Amino acid sequence: LVPCTEEDIHQLHMVAIESAKSKWGFEAR
């Protein structure tokens, strides 16, 4: 909504890591 900040980058990384955890859990099952 506004120019991207360092905090936005950190949030983006955390969302991707959570996605990776979910993806790994699905593949493991």
mmCIF file of all heavy atoms, coordinates in Angstrom:
data_MODEL
# 
_entry.id   MODEL 
# 
loop_
_atom_site.group_PDB 
_atom_site.id 
_atom_site.type_symbol 
_atom_site.label_atom_id 
_atom_site.label_alt_id 
_atom_site.label_comp_id 
_atom_site.label_asym_id 
_atom_site.label_entity_id 
_atom_site.label_seq_id 
_atom_site.pdbx_PDB_ins_code 
_atom_site.Cartn_x 
_atom_site.Cartn_y 
_atom_site.Cartn_z 
_atom_site.occupancy 
_atom_site.B_iso_or_equiv 
_atom_site.pdbx_formal_charge 
_atom_site.auth_seq_id 
_atom_site.auth_comp_id 
_atom_site.auth_asym_id 
_atom_site.auth_atom_id 
_atom_site.pdbx_PDB_model_num 
ATOM 1   N N   . LEU A 1 1  ? 0.819  -1.201  0.000  1.00 0.00 ? 1  LEU A N   1 
ATOM 2   C CA  . LEU A 1 1  ? 0.000  0.000   0.000  1.00 0.00 ? 1  LEU A CA  1 
ATOM 3   C C   . LEU A 1 1  ? 0.857  1.256   0.000  1.00 0.00 ? 1  LEU A C   1 
ATOM 4   O O   . LEU A 1 1  ? 0.418  2.324   -0.417 1.00 0.00 ? 1  LEU A O   1 
ATOM 5   C CB  . LEU A 1 1  ? -0.930 0.006   1.226  1.00 0.00 ? 1  LEU A CB  1 
ATOM 6   C CG  . LEU A 1 1  ? -1.869 -1.211  1.334  1.00 0.00 ? 1  LEU A CG  1 
ATOM 7   C CD1 . LEU A 1 1  ? -2.682 -1.133  2.626  1.00 0.00 ? 1  LEU A CD1 1 
ATOM 8   C CD2 . LEU A 1 1  ? -2.787 -1.302  0.123  1.00 0.00 ? 1  LEU A CD2 1 
ATOM 9   N N   . VAL A 1 2  ? 2.102  1.088   0.510  1.00 0.00 ? 2  VAL A N   1 
ATOM 10  C CA  . VAL A 1 2  ? 3.084  2.185   0.557  1.00 0.00 ? 2  VAL A CA  1 
ATOM 11  C C   . VAL A 1 2  ? 4.418  1.606   0.093  1.00 0.00 ? 2  VAL A C   1 
ATOM 12  O O   . VAL A 1 2  ? 4.555  0.387   -0.062 1.00 0.00 ? 2  VAL A O   1 
ATOM 13  C CB  . VAL A 1 2  ? 3.214  2.767   1.989  1.00 0.00 ? 2  VAL A CB  1 
ATOM 14  C CG1 . VAL A 1 2  ? 1.899  3.423   2.422  1.00 0.00 ? 2  VAL A CG1 1 
ATOM 15  C CG2 . VAL A 1 2  ? 3.605  1.673   2.979  1.00 0.00 ? 2  VAL A CG2 1 
ATOM 16  N N   . PRO A 1 3  ? 5.443  2.452   -0.165 1.00 0.00 ? 3  PRO A N   1 
ATOM 17  C CA  . PRO A 1 3  ? 6.752  1.915   -0.547 1.00 0.00 ? 3  PRO A CA  1 
ATOM 18  C C   . PRO A 1 3  ? 7.254  0.855   0.431  1.00 0.00 ? 3  PRO A C   1 
ATOM 19  O O   . PRO A 1 3  ? 7.084  0.977   1.646  1.00 0.00 ? 3  PRO A O   1 
ATOM 20  C CB  . PRO A 1 3  ? 7.654  3.157   -0.551 1.00 0.00 ? 3  PRO A CB  1 
ATOM 21  C CG  . PRO A 1 3  ? 6.728  4.266   -0.904 1.00 0.00 ? 3  PRO A CG  1 
ATOM 22  C CD  . PRO A 1 3  ? 5.426  3.924   -0.226 1.00 0.00 ? 3  PRO A CD  1 
ATOM 23  N N   . CYS A 1 4  ? 7.854  -0.193  -0.113 1.00 0.00 ? 4  CYS A N   1 
ATOM 24  C CA  . CYS A 1 4  ? 8.286  -1.350  0.671  1.00 0.00 ? 4  CYS A CA  1 
ATOM 25  C C   . CYS A 1 4  ? 9.373  -0.962  1.674  1.00 0.00 ? 4  CYS A C   1 
ATOM 26  O O   . CYS A 1 4  ? 10.313 -0.232  1.346  1.00 0.00 ? 4  CYS A O   1 
ATOM 27  C CB  . CYS A 1 4  ? 8.794  -2.442  -0.271 1.00 0.00 ? 4  CYS A CB  1 
ATOM 28  S SG  . CYS A 1 4  ? 8.998  -4.040  0.498  1.00 0.00 ? 4  CYS A SG  1 
ATOM 29  N N   . THR A 1 5  ? 9.255  -1.456  2.899  1.00 0.00 ? 5  THR A N   1 
ATOM 30  C CA  . THR A 1 5  ? 10.223 -1.172  3.956  1.00 0.00 ? 5  THR A CA  1 
ATOM 31  C C   . THR A 1 5  ? 10.934 -2.461  4.372  1.00 0.00 ? 5  THR A C   1 
ATOM 32  O O   . THR A 1 5  ? 10.554 -3.574  3.972  1.00 0.00 ? 5  THR A O   1 
ATOM 33  C CB  . THR A 1 5  ? 9.532  -0.567  5.177  1.00 0.00 ? 5  THR A CB  1 
ATOM 34  O OG1 . THR A 1 5  ? 8.617  -1.558  5.728  1.00 0.00 ? 5  THR A OG1 1 
ATOM 35  C CG2 . THR A 1 5  ? 8.742  0.689   4.800  1.00 0.00 ? 5  THR A CG2 1 
ATOM 36  N N   . GLU A 1 6  ? 11.958 -2.316  5.219  1.00 0.00 ? 6  GLU A N   1 
ATOM 37  C CA  . GLU A 1 6  ? 12.658 -3.479  5.761  1.00 0.00 ? 6  GLU A CA  1 
ATOM 38  C C   . GLU A 1 6  ? 11.702 -4.368  6.559  1.00 0.00 ? 6  GLU A C   1 
ATOM 39  O O   . GLU A 1 6  ? 11.803 -5.590  6.526  1.00 0.00 ? 6  GLU A O   1 
ATOM 40  C CB  . GLU A 1 6  ? 13.810 -3.014  6.664  1.00 0.00 ? 6  GLU A CB  1 
ATOM 41  C CG  . GLU A 1 6  ? 14.947 -2.312  5.945  1.00 0.00 ? 6  GLU A CG  1 
ATOM 42  C CD  . GLU A 1 6  ? 15.870 -3.287  5.222  1.00 0.00 ? 6  GLU A CD  1 
ATOM 43  O OE1 . GLU A 1 6  ? 15.620 -4.519  5.282  1.00 0.00 ? 6  GLU A OE1 1 
ATOM 44  O OE2 . GLU A 1 6  ? 16.827 -2.822  4.591  1.00 0.00 ? 6  GLU A OE2 1 
ATOM 45  N N   . GLU A 1 7  ? 10.761 -3.759  7.258  1.00 0.00 ? 7  GLU A N   1 
ATOM 46  C CA  . GLU A 1 7  ? 9.782  -4.526  8.023  1.00 0.00 ? 7  GLU A CA  1 
ATOM 47  C C   . GLU A 1 7  ? 8.891  -5.357  7.091  1.00 0.00 ? 7  GLU A C   1 
ATOM 48  O O   . GLU A 1 7  ? 8.554  -6.499  7.399  1.00 0.00 ? 7  GLU A O   1 
ATOM 49  C CB  . GLU A 1 7  ? 8.920  -3.583  8.863  1.00 0.00 ? 7  GLU A CB  1 
ATOM 50  C CG  . GLU A 1 7  ? 7.950  -4.302  9.782  1.00 0.00 ? 7  GLU A CG  1 
ATOM 51  C CD  . GLU A 1 7  ? 7.175  -3.344  10.661 1.00 0.00 ? 7  GLU A CD  1 
ATOM 52  O OE1 . GLU A 1 7  ? 7.577  -2.165  10.756 1.00 0.00 ? 7  GLU A OE1 1 
ATOM 53  O OE2 . GLU A 1 7  ? 6.166  -3.783  11.249 1.00 0.00 ? 7  GLU A OE2 1 
ATOM 54  N N   . ASP A 1 8  ? 8.545  -4.773  5.940  1.00 0.00 ? 8  ASP A N   1 
ATOM 55  C CA  . ASP A 1 8  ? 7.758  -5.528  4.960  1.00 0.00 ? 8  ASP A CA  1 
ATOM 56  C C   . ASP A 1 8  ? 8.541  -6.731  4.445  1.00 0.00 ? 8  ASP A C   1 
ATOM 57  O O   . ASP A 1 8  ? 7.971  -7.821  4.253  1.00 0.00 ? 8  ASP A O   1 
ATOM 58  C CB  . ASP A 1 8  ? 7.371  -4.630  3.785  1.00 0.00 ? 8  ASP A CB  1 
ATOM 59  C CG  . ASP A 1 8  ? 6.398  -3.534  4.178  1.00 0.00 ? 8  ASP A CG  1 
ATOM 60  O OD1 . ASP A 1 8  ? 5.572  -3.772  5.073  1.00 0.00 ? 8  ASP A OD1 1 
ATOM 61  O OD2 . ASP A 1 8  ? 6.484  -2.434  3.587  1.00 0.00 ? 8  ASP A OD2 1 
ATOM 62  N N   . ILE A 1 9  ? 9.838  -6.540  4.202  1.00 0.00 ? 9  ILE A N   1 
ATOM 63  C CA  . ILE A 1 9  ? 10.686 -7.641  3.726  1.00 0.00 ? 9  ILE A CA  1 
ATOM 64  C C   . ILE A 1 9  ? 10.730 -8.759  4.763  1.00 0.00 ? 9  ILE A C   1 
ATOM 65  O O   . ILE A 1 9  ? 10.623 -9.950  4.436  1.00 0.00 ? 9  ILE A O   1 
ATOM 66  C CB  . ILE A 1 9  ? 12.107 -7.143  3.415  1.00 0.00 ? 9  ILE A CB  1 
ATOM 67  C CG1 . ILE A 1 9  ? 12.084 -6.068  2.337  1.00 0.00 ? 9  ILE A CG1 1 
ATOM 68  C CG2 . ILE A 1 9  ? 12.996 -8.305  2.983  1.00 0.00 ? 9  ILE A CG2 1 
ATOM 69  C CD1 . ILE A 1 9  ? 11.570 -6.535  1.008  1.00 0.00 ? 9  ILE A CD1 1 
ATOM 70  N N   . HIS A 1 10 ? 10.887 -8.380  6.028  1.00 0.00 ? 10 HIS A N   1 
ATOM 71  C CA  . HIS A 1 10 ? 10.928 -9.376  7.104  1.00 0.00 ? 10 HIS A CA  1 
ATOM 72  C C   . HIS A 1 10 ? 9.611  -10.153 7.154  1.00 0.00 ? 10 HIS A C   1 
ATOM 73  O O   . HIS A 1 10 ? 9.602  -11.386 7.279  1.00 0.00 ? 10 HIS A O   1 
ATOM 74  C CB  . HIS A 1 10 ? 11.196 -8.689  8.446  1.00 0.00 ? 10 HIS A CB  1 
ATOM 75  C CG  . HIS A 1 10 ? 11.206 -9.630  9.613  1.00 0.00 ? 10 HIS A CG  1 
ATOM 76  N ND1 . HIS A 1 10 ? 12.226 -10.527 9.833  1.00 0.00 ? 10 HIS A ND1 1 
ATOM 77  C CD2 . HIS A 1 10 ? 10.306 -9.826  10.619 1.00 0.00 ? 10 HIS A CD2 1 
ATOM 78  C CE1 . HIS A 1 10 ? 11.971 -11.234 10.913 1.00 0.00 ? 10 HIS A CE1 1 
ATOM 79  N NE2 . HIS A 1 10 ? 10.808 -10.827 11.412 1.00 0.00 ? 10 HIS A NE2 1 
ATOM 80  N N   . GLN A 1 11 ? 8.486  -9.428  7.052  1.00 0.00 ? 11 GLN A N   1 
ATOM 81  C CA  . GLN A 1 11 ? 7.180  -10.091 7.047  1.00 0.00 ? 11 GLN A CA  1 
ATOM 82  C C   . GLN A 1 11 ? 7.051  -11.048 5.866  1.00 0.00 ? 11 GLN A C   1 
ATOM 83  O O   . GLN A 1 11 ? 6.550  -12.169 6.001  1.00 0.00 ? 11 GLN A O   1 
ATOM 84  C CB  . GLN A 1 11 ? 6.062  -9.050  6.996  1.00 0.00 ? 11 GLN A CB  1 
ATOM 85  C CG  . GLN A 1 11 ? 4.670  -9.651  6.938  1.00 0.00 ? 11 GLN A CG  1 
ATOM 86  C CD  . GLN A 1 11 ? 3.587  -8.623  6.662  1.00 0.00 ? 11 GLN A CD  1 
ATOM 87  O OE1 . GLN A 1 11 ? 3.854  -7.424  6.651  1.00 0.00 ? 11 GLN A OE1 1 
ATOM 88  N NE2 . GLN A 1 11 ? 2.366  -9.087  6.440  1.00 0.00 ? 11 GLN A NE2 1 
ATOM 89  N N   . LEU A 1 12 ? 7.535  -10.626 4.715  1.00 0.00 ? 12 LEU A N   1 
ATOM 90  C CA  . LEU A 1 12 ? 7.484  -11.459 3.514  1.00 0.00 ? 12 LEU A CA  1 
ATOM 91  C C   . LEU A 1 12 ? 8.265  -12.751 3.713  1.00 0.00 ? 12 LEU A C   1 
ATOM 92  O O   . LEU A 1 12 ? 7.819  -13.846 3.353  1.00 0.00 ? 12 LEU A O   1 
ATOM 93  C CB  . LEU A 1 12 ? 8.032  -10.663 2.330  1.00 0.00 ? 12 LEU A CB  1 
ATOM 94  C CG  . LEU A 1 12 ? 7.881  -11.246 0.922  1.00 0.00 ? 12 LEU A CG  1 
ATOM 95  C CD1 . LEU A 1 12 ? 6.412  -11.436 0.573  1.00 0.00 ? 12 LEU A CD1 1 
ATOM 96  C CD2 . LEU A 1 12 ? 8.570  -10.331 -0.094 1.00 0.00 ? 12 LEU A CD2 1 
ATOM 97  N N   . HIS A 1 13 ? 9.461  -12.633 4.304  1.00 0.00 ? 13 HIS A N   1 
ATOM 98  C CA  . HIS A 1 13 ? 10.280 -13.811 4.573  1.00 0.00 ? 13 HIS A CA  1 
ATOM 99  C C   . HIS A 1 13 ? 9.561  -14.765 5.533  1.00 0.00 ? 13 HIS A C   1 
ATOM 100 O O   . HIS A 1 13 ? 9.574  -15.991 5.335  1.00 0.00 ? 13 HIS A O   1 
ATOM 101 C CB  . HIS A 1 13 ? 11.625 -13.402 5.164  1.00 0.00 ? 13 HIS A CB  1 
ATOM 102 C CG  . HIS A 1 13 ? 12.516 -12.711 4.195  1.00 0.00 ? 13 HIS A CG  1 
ATOM 103 N ND1 . HIS A 1 13 ? 13.735 -12.173 4.561  1.00 0.00 ? 13 HIS A ND1 1 
ATOM 104 C CD2 . HIS A 1 13 ? 12.381 -12.451 2.869  1.00 0.00 ? 13 HIS A CD2 1 
ATOM 105 C CE1 . HIS A 1 13 ? 14.308 -11.626 3.499  1.00 0.00 ? 13 HIS A CE1 1 
ATOM 106 N NE2 . HIS A 1 13 ? 13.501 -11.783 2.465  1.00 0.00 ? 13 HIS A NE2 1 
ATOM 107 N N   . MET A 1 14 ? 8.964  -14.210 6.593  1.00 0.00 ? 14 MET A N   1 
ATOM 108 C CA  . MET A 1 14 ? 8.299  -15.054 7.590  1.00 0.00 ? 14 MET A CA  1 
ATOM 109 C C   . MET A 1 14 ? 7.106  -15.798 6.981  1.00 0.00 ? 14 MET A C   1 
ATOM 110 O O   . MET A 1 14 ? 6.869  -16.972 7.293  1.00 0.00 ? 14 MET A O   1 
ATOM 111 C CB  . MET A 1 14 ? 7.845  -14.207 8.781  1.00 0.00 ? 14 MET A CB  1 
ATOM 112 C CG  . MET A 1 14 ? 8.984  -13.610 9.610  1.00 0.00 ? 14 MET A CG  1 
ATOM 113 S SD  . MET A 1 14 ? 10.125 -14.871 10.264 1.00 0.00 ? 14 MET A SD  1 
ATOM 114 C CE  . MET A 1 14 ? 11.521 -14.681 9.130  1.00 0.00 ? 14 MET A CE  1 
ATOM 115 N N   . VAL A 1 15 ? 6.368  -15.132 6.115  1.00 0.00 ? 15 VAL A N   1 
ATOM 116 C CA  . VAL A 1 15 ? 5.236  -15.788 5.455  1.00 0.00 ? 15 VAL A CA  1 
ATOM 117 C C   . VAL A 1 15 ? 5.739  -16.942 4.583  1.00 0.00 ? 15 VAL A C   1 
ATOM 118 O O   . VAL A 1 15 ? 5.156  -18.033 4.563  1.00 0.00 ? 15 VAL A O   1 
ATOM 119 C CB  . VAL A 1 15 ? 4.428  -14.776 4.613  1.00 0.00 ? 15 VAL A CB  1 
ATOM 120 C CG1 . VAL A 1 15 ? 3.369  -15.496 3.773  1.00 0.00 ? 15 VAL A CG1 1 
ATOM 121 C CG2 . VAL A 1 15 ? 3.772  -13.735 5.505  1.00 0.00 ? 15 VAL A CG2 1 
ATOM 122 N N   . ALA A 1 16 ? 6.852  -16.719 3.867  1.00 0.00 ? 16 ALA A N   1 
ATOM 123 C CA  . ALA A 1 16 ? 7.408  -17.769 3.011  1.00 0.00 ? 16 ALA A CA  1 
ATOM 124 C C   . ALA A 1 16 ? 7.917  -18.944 3.842  1.00 0.00 ? 16 ALA A C   1 
ATOM 125 O O   . ALA A 1 16 ? 7.752  -20.110 3.441  1.00 0.00 ? 16 ALA A O   1 
ATOM 126 C CB  . ALA A 1 16 ? 8.529  -17.202 2.153  1.00 0.00 ? 16 ALA A CB  1 
ATOM 127 N N   . ILE A 1 17 ? 8.539  -18.671 4.988  1.00 0.00 ? 17 ILE A N   1 
ATOM 128 C CA  . ILE A 1 17 ? 9.041  -19.746 5.840  1.00 0.00 ? 17 ILE A CA  1 
ATOM 129 C C   . ILE A 1 17 ? 7.886  -20.579 6.391  1.00 0.00 ? 17 ILE A C   1 
ATOM 130 O O   . ILE A 1 17 ? 7.953  -21.813 6.446  1.00 0.00 ? 17 ILE A O   1 
ATOM 131 C CB  . ILE A 1 17 ? 9.903  -19.172 6.985  1.00 0.00 ? 17 ILE A CB  1 
ATOM 132 C CG1 . ILE A 1 17 ? 11.216 -18.619 6.408  1.00 0.00 ? 17 ILE A CG1 1 
ATOM 133 C CG2 . ILE A 1 17 ? 10.201 -20.230 8.033  1.00 0.00 ? 17 ILE A CG2 1 
ATOM 134 C CD1 . ILE A 1 17 ? 12.039 -17.848 7.400  1.00 0.00 ? 17 ILE A CD1 1 
ATOM 135 N N   . GLU A 1 18 ? 6.802  -19.914 6.792  1.00 0.00 ? 18 GLU A N   1 
ATOM 136 C CA  . GLU A 1 18 ? 5.626  -20.649 7.261  1.00 0.00 ? 18 GLU A CA  1 
ATOM 137 C C   . GLU A 1 18 ? 5.060  -21.517 6.140  1.00 0.00 ? 18 GLU A C   1 
ATOM 138 O O   . GLU A 1 18 ? 4.608  -22.642 6.366  1.00 0.00 ? 18 GLU A O   1 
ATOM 139 C CB  . GLU A 1 18 ? 4.564  -19.683 7.780  1.00 0.00 ? 18 GLU A CB  1 
ATOM 140 C CG  . GLU A 1 18 ? 4.917  -19.029 9.101  1.00 0.00 ? 18 GLU A CG  1 
ATOM 141 C CD  . GLU A 1 18 ? 5.149  -20.045 10.205 1.00 0.00 ? 18 GLU A CD  1 
ATOM 142 O OE1 . GLU A 1 18 ? 4.366  -21.025 10.290 1.00 0.00 ? 18 GLU A OE1 1 
ATOM 143 O OE2 . GLU A 1 18 ? 6.120  -19.878 10.962 1.00 0.00 ? 18 GLU A OE2 1 
ATOM 144 N N   . SER A 1 19 ? 5.078  -20.984 4.921  1.00 0.00 ? 19 SER A N   1 
ATOM 145 C CA  . SER A 1 19 ? 4.626  -21.757 3.771  1.00 0.00 ? 19 SER A CA  1 
ATOM 146 C C   . SER A 1 19 ? 5.519  -22.973 3.560  1.00 0.00 ? 19 SER A C   1 
ATOM 147 O O   . SER A 1 19 ? 5.033  -24.077 3.242  1.00 0.00 ? 19 SER A O   1 
ATOM 148 C CB  . SER A 1 19 ? 4.623  -20.880 2.517  1.00 0.00 ? 19 SER A CB  1 
ATOM 149 O OG  . SER A 1 19 ? 4.306  -21.634 1.363  1.00 0.00 ? 19 SER A OG  1 
ATOM 150 N N   . ALA A 1 20 ? 6.839  -22.791 3.748  1.00 0.00 ? 20 ALA A N   1 
ATOM 151 C CA  . ALA A 1 20 ? 7.776  -23.917 3.596  1.00 0.00 ? 20 ALA A CA  1 
ATOM 152 C C   . ALA A 1 20 ? 7.514  -24.985 4.659  1.00 0.00 ? 20 ALA A C   1 
ATOM 153 O O   . ALA A 1 20 ? 7.562  -26.188 4.370  1.00 0.00 ? 20 ALA A O   1 
ATOM 154 C CB  . ALA A 1 20 ? 9.210  -23.414 3.689  1.00 0.00 ? 20 ALA A CB  1 
ATOM 155 N N   . LYS A 1 21 ? 7.239  -24.549 5.891  1.00 0.00 ? 21 LYS A N   1 
ATOM 156 C CA  . LYS A 1 21 ? 6.943  -25.514 6.956  1.00 0.00 ? 21 LYS A CA  1 
ATOM 157 C C   . LYS A 1 21 ? 5.700  -26.333 6.621  1.00 0.00 ? 21 LYS A C   1 
ATOM 158 O O   . LYS A 1 21 ? 5.676  -27.553 6.790  1.00 0.00 ? 21 LYS A O   1 
ATOM 159 C CB  . LYS A 1 21 ? 6.744  -24.778 8.285  1.00 0.00 ? 21 LYS A CB  1 
ATOM 160 C CG  . LYS A 1 21 ? 8.008  -24.182 8.876  1.00 0.00 ? 21 LYS A CG  1 
ATOM 161 C CD  . LYS A 1 21 ? 7.698  -23.466 10.179 1.00 0.00 ? 21 LYS A CD  1 
ATOM 162 C CE  . LYS A 1 21 ? 8.949  -22.844 10.791 1.00 0.00 ? 21 LYS A CE  1 
ATOM 163 N NZ  . LYS A 1 21 ? 8.644  -22.120 12.037 1.00 0.00 ? 21 LYS A NZ  1 
ATOM 164 N N   . SER A 1 22 ? 4.663  -25.638 6.142  1.00 0.00 ? 22 SER A N   1 
ATOM 165 C CA  . SER A 1 22 ? 3.425  -26.333 5.785  1.00 0.00 ? 22 SER A CA  1 
ATOM 166 C C   . SER A 1 22 ? 3.659  -27.291 4.618  1.00 0.00 ? 22 SER A C   1 
ATOM 167 O O   . SER A 1 22 ? 3.160  -28.420 4.609  1.00 0.00 ? 22 SER A O   1 
ATOM 168 C CB  . SER A 1 22 ? 2.341  -25.319 5.414  1.00 0.00 ? 22 SER A CB  1 
ATOM 169 O OG  . SER A 1 22 ? 2.048  -24.470 6.508  1.00 0.00 ? 22 SER A OG  1 
ATOM 170 N N   . LYS A 1 23 ? 4.445  -26.829 3.640  1.00 0.00 ? 23 LYS A N   1 
ATOM 171 C CA  . LYS A 1 23 ? 4.741  -27.657 2.475  1.00 0.00 ? 23 LYS A CA  1 
ATOM 172 C C   . LYS A 1 23 ? 5.523  -28.893 2.881  1.00 0.00 ? 23 LYS A C   1 
ATOM 173 O O   . LYS A 1 23 ? 5.247  -30.005 2.408  1.00 0.00 ? 23 LYS A O   1 
ATOM 174 C CB  . LYS A 1 23 ? 5.518  -26.833 1.444  1.00 0.00 ? 23 LYS A CB  1 
ATOM 175 C CG  . LYS A 1 23 ? 5.776  -27.540 0.136  1.00 0.00 ? 23 LYS A CG  1 
ATOM 176 C CD  . LYS A 1 23 ? 6.486  -26.602 -0.844 1.00 0.00 ? 23 LYS A CD  1 
ATOM 177 C CE  . LYS A 1 23 ? 6.785  -27.298 -2.172 1.00 0.00 ? 23 LYS A CE  1 
ATOM 178 N NZ  . LYS A 1 23 ? 7.491  -26.382 -3.110 1.00 0.00 ? 23 LYS A NZ  1 
ATOM 179 N N   . TRP A 1 24 ? 6.520  -28.702 3.762  1.00 0.00 ? 24 TRP A N   1 
ATOM 180 C CA  . TRP A 1 24 ? 7.300  -29.847 4.219  1.00 0.00 ? 24 TRP A CA  1 
ATOM 181 C C   . TRP A 1 24 ? 6.421  -30.828 4.993  1.00 0.00 ? 24 TRP A C   1 
ATOM 182 O O   . TRP A 1 24 ? 6.510  -32.042 4.825  1.00 0.00 ? 24 TRP A O   1 
ATOM 183 C CB  . TRP A 1 24 ? 8.466  -29.407 5.094  1.00 0.00 ? 24 TRP A CB  1 
ATOM 184 C CG  . TRP A 1 24 ? 9.055  -30.563 5.848  1.00 0.00 ? 24 TRP A CG  1 
ATOM 185 C CD1 . TRP A 1 24 ? 8.985  -30.814 7.181  1.00 0.00 ? 24 TRP A CD1 1 
ATOM 186 C CD2 . TRP A 1 24 ? 9.756  -31.675 5.289  1.00 0.00 ? 24 TRP A CD2 1 
ATOM 187 N NE1 . TRP A 1 24 ? 9.591  -31.995 7.490  1.00 0.00 ? 24 TRP A NE1 1 
ATOM 188 C CE2 . TRP A 1 24 ? 10.077 -32.542 6.348  1.00 0.00 ? 24 TRP A CE2 1 
ATOM 189 C CE3 . TRP A 1 24 ? 10.141 -32.012 3.987  1.00 0.00 ? 24 TRP A CE3 1 
ATOM 190 C CZ2 . TRP A 1 24 ? 10.766 -33.723 6.143  1.00 0.00 ? 24 TRP A CZ2 1 
ATOM 191 C CZ3 . TRP A 1 24 ? 10.829 -33.202 3.791  1.00 0.00 ? 24 TRP A CZ3 1 
ATOM 192 C CH2 . TRP A 1 24 ? 11.139 -34.043 4.864  1.00 0.00 ? 24 TRP A CH2 1 
ATOM 193 N N   . GLY A 1 25 ? 5.531  -30.301 5.866  1.00 0.00 ? 25 GLY A N   1 
ATOM 194 C CA  . GLY A 1 25 ? 4.642  -31.173 6.627  1.00 0.00 ? 25 GLY A CA  1 
ATOM 195 C C   . GLY A 1 25 ? 3.745  -31.983 5.720  1.00 0.00 ? 25 GLY A C   1 
ATOM 196 O O   . GLY A 1 25 ? 3.529  -33.182 5.940  1.00 0.00 ? 25 GLY A O   1 
ATOM 197 N N   . PHE A 1 26 ? 3.241  -31.362 4.654  1.00 0.00 ? 26 PHE A N   1 
ATOM 198 C CA  . PHE A 1 26 ? 2.384  -32.071 3.697  1.00 0.00 ? 26 PHE A CA  1 
ATOM 199 C C   . PHE A 1 26 ? 3.169  -33.157 2.974  1.00 0.00 ? 26 PHE A C   1 
ATOM 200 O O   . PHE A 1 26 ? 2.717  -34.296 2.842  1.00 0.00 ? 26 PHE A O   1 
ATOM 201 C CB  . PHE A 1 26 ? 1.803  -31.082 2.684  1.00 0.00 ? 26 PHE A CB  1 
ATOM 202 C CG  . PHE A 1 26 ? 0.972  -31.730 1.611  1.00 0.00 ? 26 PHE A CG  1 
ATOM 203 C CD1 . PHE A 1 26 ? -0.340 -32.109 1.859  1.00 0.00 ? 26 PHE A CD1 1 
ATOM 204 C CD2 . PHE A 1 26 ? 1.515  -31.981 0.342  1.00 0.00 ? 26 PHE A CD2 1 
ATOM 205 C CE1 . PHE A 1 26 ? -1.101 -32.719 0.871  1.00 0.00 ? 26 PHE A CE1 1 
ATOM 206 C CE2 . PHE A 1 26 ? 0.760  -32.594 -0.641 1.00 0.00 ? 26 PHE A CE2 1 
ATOM 207 C CZ  . PHE A 1 26 ? -0.557 -32.958 -0.378 1.00 0.00 ? 26 PHE A CZ  1 
ATOM 208 N N   . GLU A 1 27 ? 4.403  -32.815 2.508  1.00 0.00 ? 27 GLU A N   1 
ATOM 209 C CA  . GLU A 1 27 ? 5.222  -33.797 1.806  1.00 0.00 ? 27 GLU A CA  1 
ATOM 210 C C   . GLU A 1 27 ? 5.629  -34.947 2.731  1.00 0.00 ? 27 GLU A C   1 
ATOM 211 O O   . GLU A 1 27 ? 5.685  -36.106 2.316  1.00 0.00 ? 27 GLU A O   1 
ATOM 212 C CB  . GLU A 1 27 ? 6.466  -33.118 1.224  1.00 0.00 ? 27 GLU A CB  1 
ATOM 213 C CG  . GLU A 1 27 ? 6.159  -32.137 0.098  1.00 0.00 ? 27 GLU A CG  1 
ATOM 214 C CD  . GLU A 1 27 ? 7.412  -31.434 -0.412 1.00 0.00 ? 27 GLU A CD  1 
ATOM 215 O OE1 . GLU A 1 27 ? 8.479  -31.625 0.199  1.00 0.00 ? 27 GLU A OE1 1 
ATOM 216 O OE2 . GLU A 1 27 ? 7.309  -30.699 -1.409 1.00 0.00 ? 27 GLU A OE2 1 
ATOM 217 N N   . ALA A 1 28 ? 5.919  -34.604 3.986  1.00 0.00 ? 28 ALA A N   1 
ATOM 218 C CA  . ALA A 1 28 ? 6.327  -35.640 4.935  1.00 0.00 ? 28 ALA A CA  1 
ATOM 219 C C   . ALA A 1 28 ? 5.185  -36.605 5.200  1.00 0.00 ? 28 ALA A C   1 
ATOM 220 O O   . ALA A 1 28 ? 5.384  -37.827 5.263  1.00 0.00 ? 28 ALA A O   1 
ATOM 221 C CB  . ALA A 1 28 ? 6.801  -34.994 6.237  1.00 0.00 ? 28 ALA A CB  1 
ATOM 222 N N   . ARG A 1 29 ? 3.976  -36.077 5.359  1.00 0.00 ? 29 ARG A N   1 
ATOM 223 C CA  . ARG A 1 29 ? 2.823  -36.959 5.584  1.00 0.00 ? 29 ARG A CA  1 
ATOM 224 C C   . ARG A 1 29 ? 2.549  -37.826 4.357  1.00 0.00 ? 29 ARG A C   1 
ATOM 225 O O   . ARG A 1 29 ? 2.218  -39.013 4.483  1.00 0.00 ? 29 ARG A O   1 
ATOM 226 C CB  . ARG A 1 29 ? 1.593  -36.120 5.930  1.00 0.00 ? 29 ARG A CB  1 
ATOM 227 C CG  . ARG A 1 29 ? 1.632  -35.509 7.326  1.00 0.00 ? 29 ARG A CG  1 
ATOM 228 C CD  . ARG A 1 29 ? 0.283  -34.909 7.696  1.00 0.00 ? 29 ARG A CD  1 
ATOM 229 N NE  . ARG A 1 29 ? -0.073 -33.798 6.820  1.00 0.00 ? 29 ARG A NE  1 
ATOM 230 C CZ  . ARG A 1 29 ? 0.276  -32.538 7.045  1.00 0.00 ? 29 ARG A CZ  1 
ATOM 231 N NH1 . ARG A 1 29 ? 1.005  -32.245 8.105  1.00 0.00 ? 29 ARG A NH1 1 
ATOM 232 N NH2 . ARG A 1 29 ? -0.096 -31.583 6.212  1.00 0.00 ? 29 ARG A NH2 1 
# 
